[in-house]
Amino acid sequence: MAHQNFKKEDFVQDPSGDYRVEFREGNIGEGSDLIVERKKEDGDYEVLSAEIKRHNKSIFVCWSEPFDGRVIFDE
């Protein structure tokens, strides 16, 4: 399984007040079977049930606050 890391600073606040980070479809596969993990203070990761949205060729991971983490996907 491959992964793509992201940082708090990568998130953008949308008009509803939620935060989202954008990935291009080709960078993380087609967007199916994605696993979103948040990095904890001890360096381990925890799995989140984050909302994932698609628009055109973009995939958005949405959450109530920005966080450091990664998306795990099939290559």
N, C-alpha and C. Protein backbone atom coordinates (compact mmCIF):
# COMPACT_ATOMS: atom_id res chain seq x y z
N MET A 1 0.85 -1.17 0.00
CA MET A 1 0.00 0.00 0.00
C MET A 1 0.90 1.24 0.00
N ALA A 2 0.51 2.20 -0.77
CA ALA A 2 1.24 3.47 -0.85
C ALA A 2 0.56 4.49 0.05
N HIS A 3 1.26 5.59 0.31
CA HIS A 3 0.65 6.65 1.11
C HIS A 3 1.14 8.01 0.64
N GLN A 4 0.34 9.01 0.97
CA GLN A 4 0.65 10.41 0.66
C GLN A 4 0.47 11.20 1.96
N ASN A 5 1.55 11.80 2.45
CA ASN A 5 1.48 12.59 3.68
C ASN A 5 0.93 13.98 3.39
N PHE A 6 0.33 14.58 4.41
CA PHE A 6 -0.10 15.98 4.33
C PHE A 6 0.07 16.62 5.70
N LYS A 7 0.12 17.95 5.72
CA LYS A 7 0.33 18.71 6.95
C LYS A 7 -0.88 19.60 7.23
N LYS A 8 -0.96 20.09 8.46
CA LYS A 8 -2.04 21.01 8.85
C LYS A 8 -2.14 22.17 7.88
N GLU A 9 -0.99 22.67 7.45
CA GLU A 9 -0.94 23.84 6.59
C GLU A 9 -1.53 23.59 5.20
N ASP A 10 -1.69 22.33 4.81
CA ASP A 10 -2.25 21.99 3.50
C ASP A 10 -3.77 22.15 3.45
N PHE A 11 -4.42 22.23 4.61
CA PHE A 11 -5.88 22.35 4.67
C PHE A 11 -6.32 23.77 4.33
N VAL A 12 -7.48 23.85 3.70
CA VAL A 12 -8.11 25.13 3.37
C VAL A 12 -9.51 25.10 3.97
N GLN A 13 -9.93 26.20 4.59
CA GLN A 13 -11.27 26.25 5.18
C GLN A 13 -12.28 26.55 4.08
N ASP A 14 -13.36 25.76 4.03
CA ASP A 14 -14.40 25.99 3.03
C ASP A 14 -15.49 26.89 3.62
N PRO A 15 -16.44 27.34 2.80
CA PRO A 15 -17.47 28.27 3.29
C PRO A 15 -18.32 27.73 4.45
N SER A 16 -18.44 26.41 4.56
CA SER A 16 -19.23 25.83 5.66
C SER A 16 -18.47 25.81 6.99
N GLY A 17 -17.18 26.14 6.96
CA GLY A 17 -16.38 26.15 8.18
C GLY A 17 -15.53 24.91 8.37
N ASP A 18 -15.77 23.88 7.56
CA ASP A 18 -14.94 22.68 7.62
C ASP A 18 -13.63 22.92 6.88
N TYR A 19 -12.68 22.04 7.11
CA TYR A 19 -11.38 22.13 6.45
C TYR A 19 -11.24 20.98 5.47
N ARG A 20 -10.51 21.22 4.40
CA ARG A 20 -10.31 20.17 3.40
C ARG A 20 -8.90 20.27 2.83
N VAL A 21 -8.38 19.12 2.47
CA VAL A 21 -7.09 19.04 1.79
C VAL A 21 -7.34 18.36 0.45
N GLU A 22 -6.73 18.87 -0.60
CA GLU A 22 -7.02 18.41 -1.97
C GLU A 22 -5.89 17.54 -2.50
N PHE A 23 -6.30 16.47 -3.19
CA PHE A 23 -5.38 15.60 -3.90
C PHE A 23 -5.88 15.46 -5.33
N ARG A 24 -4.97 15.31 -6.26
CA ARG A 24 -5.34 15.02 -7.64
C ARG A 24 -5.57 13.52 -7.76
N GLU A 25 -6.54 13.15 -8.58
CA GLU A 25 -6.94 11.76 -8.72
C GLU A 25 -5.76 10.84 -9.03
N GLY A 26 -4.87 11.24 -9.91
CA GLY A 26 -3.74 10.39 -10.28
C GLY A 26 -2.69 10.24 -9.19
N ASN A 27 -2.66 11.16 -8.22
CA ASN A 27 -1.65 11.11 -7.16
C ASN A 27 -1.98 10.10 -6.07
N ILE A 28 -3.25 9.80 -5.87
CA ILE A 28 -3.65 8.83 -4.84
C ILE A 28 -4.60 7.79 -5.43
N GLY A 29 -4.32 7.35 -6.61
CA GLY A 29 -5.16 6.36 -7.26
C GLY A 29 -6.45 7.00 -7.75
N GLU A 30 -7.50 6.21 -7.81
CA GLU A 30 -8.78 6.69 -8.31
C GLU A 30 -9.69 7.18 -7.20
N GLY A 31 -9.25 7.07 -5.97
CA GLY A 31 -10.05 7.57 -4.86
C GLY A 31 -10.90 6.53 -4.18
N SER A 32 -10.82 5.27 -4.60
CA SER A 32 -11.57 4.23 -3.91
C SER A 32 -10.66 3.55 -2.90
N ASP A 33 -11.23 3.04 -1.85
CA ASP A 33 -10.48 2.34 -0.80
C ASP A 33 -9.40 3.20 -0.16
N LEU A 34 -9.72 4.45 0.11
CA LEU A 34 -8.77 5.34 0.78
C LEU A 34 -8.89 5.17 2.29
N ILE A 35 -7.77 5.22 2.97
CA ILE A 35 -7.73 5.20 4.43
C ILE A 35 -7.08 6.51 4.87
N VAL A 36 -7.75 7.25 5.75
CA VAL A 36 -7.22 8.51 6.25
C VAL A 36 -6.75 8.28 7.68
N GLU A 37 -5.50 8.68 7.95
CA GLU A 37 -4.93 8.53 9.29
C GLU A 37 -4.42 9.87 9.79
N ARG A 38 -4.63 10.13 11.08
CA ARG A 38 -4.13 11.35 11.73
C ARG A 38 -2.91 10.97 12.57
N LYS A 39 -1.86 11.78 12.48
CA LYS A 39 -0.64 11.54 13.25
C LYS A 39 -0.85 12.04 14.68
N LYS A 40 -0.58 11.15 15.64
CA LYS A 40 -0.71 11.50 17.05
C LYS A 40 0.59 12.10 17.55
N GLU A 41 0.56 12.69 18.74
CA GLU A 41 1.74 13.34 19.31
C GLU A 41 2.91 12.38 19.50
N ASP A 42 2.62 11.10 19.74
CA ASP A 42 3.70 10.12 19.94
C ASP A 42 4.27 9.58 18.63
N GLY A 43 3.76 10.08 17.50
CA GLY A 43 4.27 9.66 16.19
C GLY A 43 3.50 8.53 15.55
N ASP A 44 2.65 7.85 16.31
CA ASP A 44 1.80 6.80 15.76
C ASP A 44 0.64 7.43 15.01
N TYR A 45 -0.09 6.61 14.25
CA TYR A 45 -1.23 7.09 13.48
C TYR A 45 -2.51 6.43 13.97
N GLU A 46 -3.62 7.16 13.88
CA GLU A 46 -4.94 6.61 14.19
C GLU A 46 -5.83 6.79 12.96
N VAL A 47 -6.66 5.80 12.69
CA VAL A 47 -7.55 5.83 11.53
C VAL A 47 -8.74 6.73 11.84
N LEU A 48 -9.11 7.58 10.87
CA LEU A 48 -10.27 8.46 11.00
C LEU A 48 -11.34 8.07 9.99
N SER A 49 -12.58 8.35 10.31
CA SER A 49 -13.68 8.20 9.36
C SER A 49 -13.97 9.56 8.75
N ALA A 50 -13.00 10.08 8.02
CA ALA A 50 -13.13 11.41 7.42
C ALA A 50 -14.03 11.36 6.20
N GLU A 51 -14.71 12.46 5.95
CA GLU A 51 -15.53 12.58 4.75
C GLU A 51 -14.60 12.79 3.55
N ILE A 52 -14.87 12.05 2.49
CA ILE A 52 -14.09 12.17 1.26
C ILE A 52 -15.03 12.59 0.15
N LYS A 53 -14.70 13.70 -0.51
CA LYS A 53 -15.53 14.24 -1.59
C LYS A 53 -14.73 14.24 -2.88
N ARG A 54 -15.45 14.14 -3.99
CA ARG A 54 -14.83 14.20 -5.31
C ARG A 54 -15.45 15.33 -6.10
N HIS A 55 -14.61 16.00 -6.87
CA HIS A 55 -15.09 17.04 -7.78
C HIS A 55 -14.11 17.10 -8.95
N ASN A 56 -14.64 16.93 -10.16
CA ASN A 56 -13.81 16.85 -11.36
C ASN A 56 -12.72 15.80 -11.14
N LYS A 57 -11.48 16.16 -11.24
CA LYS A 57 -10.37 15.21 -11.06
C LYS A 57 -9.71 15.36 -9.69
N SER A 58 -10.40 16.00 -8.75
CA SER A 58 -9.85 16.22 -7.41
C SER A 58 -10.58 15.36 -6.38
N ILE A 59 -9.83 14.99 -5.35
CA ILE A 59 -10.37 14.26 -4.21
C ILE A 59 -10.07 15.08 -2.97
N PHE A 60 -11.07 15.33 -2.14
CA PHE A 60 -10.92 16.16 -0.96
C PHE A 60 -11.14 15.33 0.30
N VAL A 61 -10.23 15.45 1.25
CA VAL A 61 -10.41 14.88 2.58
C VAL A 61 -10.89 16.01 3.46
N CYS A 62 -12.06 15.84 4.09
CA CYS A 62 -12.70 16.91 4.86
C CYS A 62 -12.74 16.53 6.34
N TRP A 63 -12.49 17.55 7.19
CA TRP A 63 -12.51 17.33 8.64
C TRP A 63 -12.83 18.65 9.32
N SER A 64 -13.19 18.60 10.60
CA SER A 64 -13.59 19.81 11.33
C SER A 64 -12.41 20.70 11.70
N GLU A 65 -11.20 20.17 11.67
CA GLU A 65 -10.00 20.95 11.99
C GLU A 65 -8.82 20.38 11.22
N PRO A 66 -7.84 21.21 10.91
CA PRO A 66 -6.67 20.70 10.18
C PRO A 66 -5.80 19.81 11.08
N PHE A 67 -5.11 18.85 10.47
CA PHE A 67 -4.24 17.94 11.22
C PHE A 67 -3.15 17.40 10.30
N ASP A 68 -2.06 16.94 10.90
CA ASP A 68 -1.02 16.24 10.16
C ASP A 68 -1.47 14.80 9.99
N GLY A 69 -1.27 14.26 8.80
CA GLY A 69 -1.70 12.89 8.59
C GLY A 69 -1.24 12.33 7.27
N ARG A 70 -1.94 11.29 6.83
CA ARG A 70 -1.62 10.65 5.56
C ARG A 70 -2.86 9.95 5.01
N VAL A 71 -2.84 9.75 3.70
CA VAL A 71 -3.86 8.98 3.01
C VAL A 71 -3.17 7.72 2.50
N ILE A 72 -3.74 6.57 2.81
CA ILE A 72 -3.20 5.29 2.35
C ILE A 72 -4.10 4.79 1.23
N PHE A 73 -3.50 4.28 0.15
CA PHE A 73 -4.26 3.87 -1.03
C PHE A 73 -3.55 2.74 -1.75
N ASP A 74 -4.31 2.02 -2.58
CA ASP A 74 -3.73 0.99 -3.45
C ASP A 74 -3.04 1.67 -4.62
N GLU A 75 -1.89 1.14 -5.01
CA GLU A 75 -1.19 1.71 -6.17
C GLU A 75 -1.80 1.22 -7.45
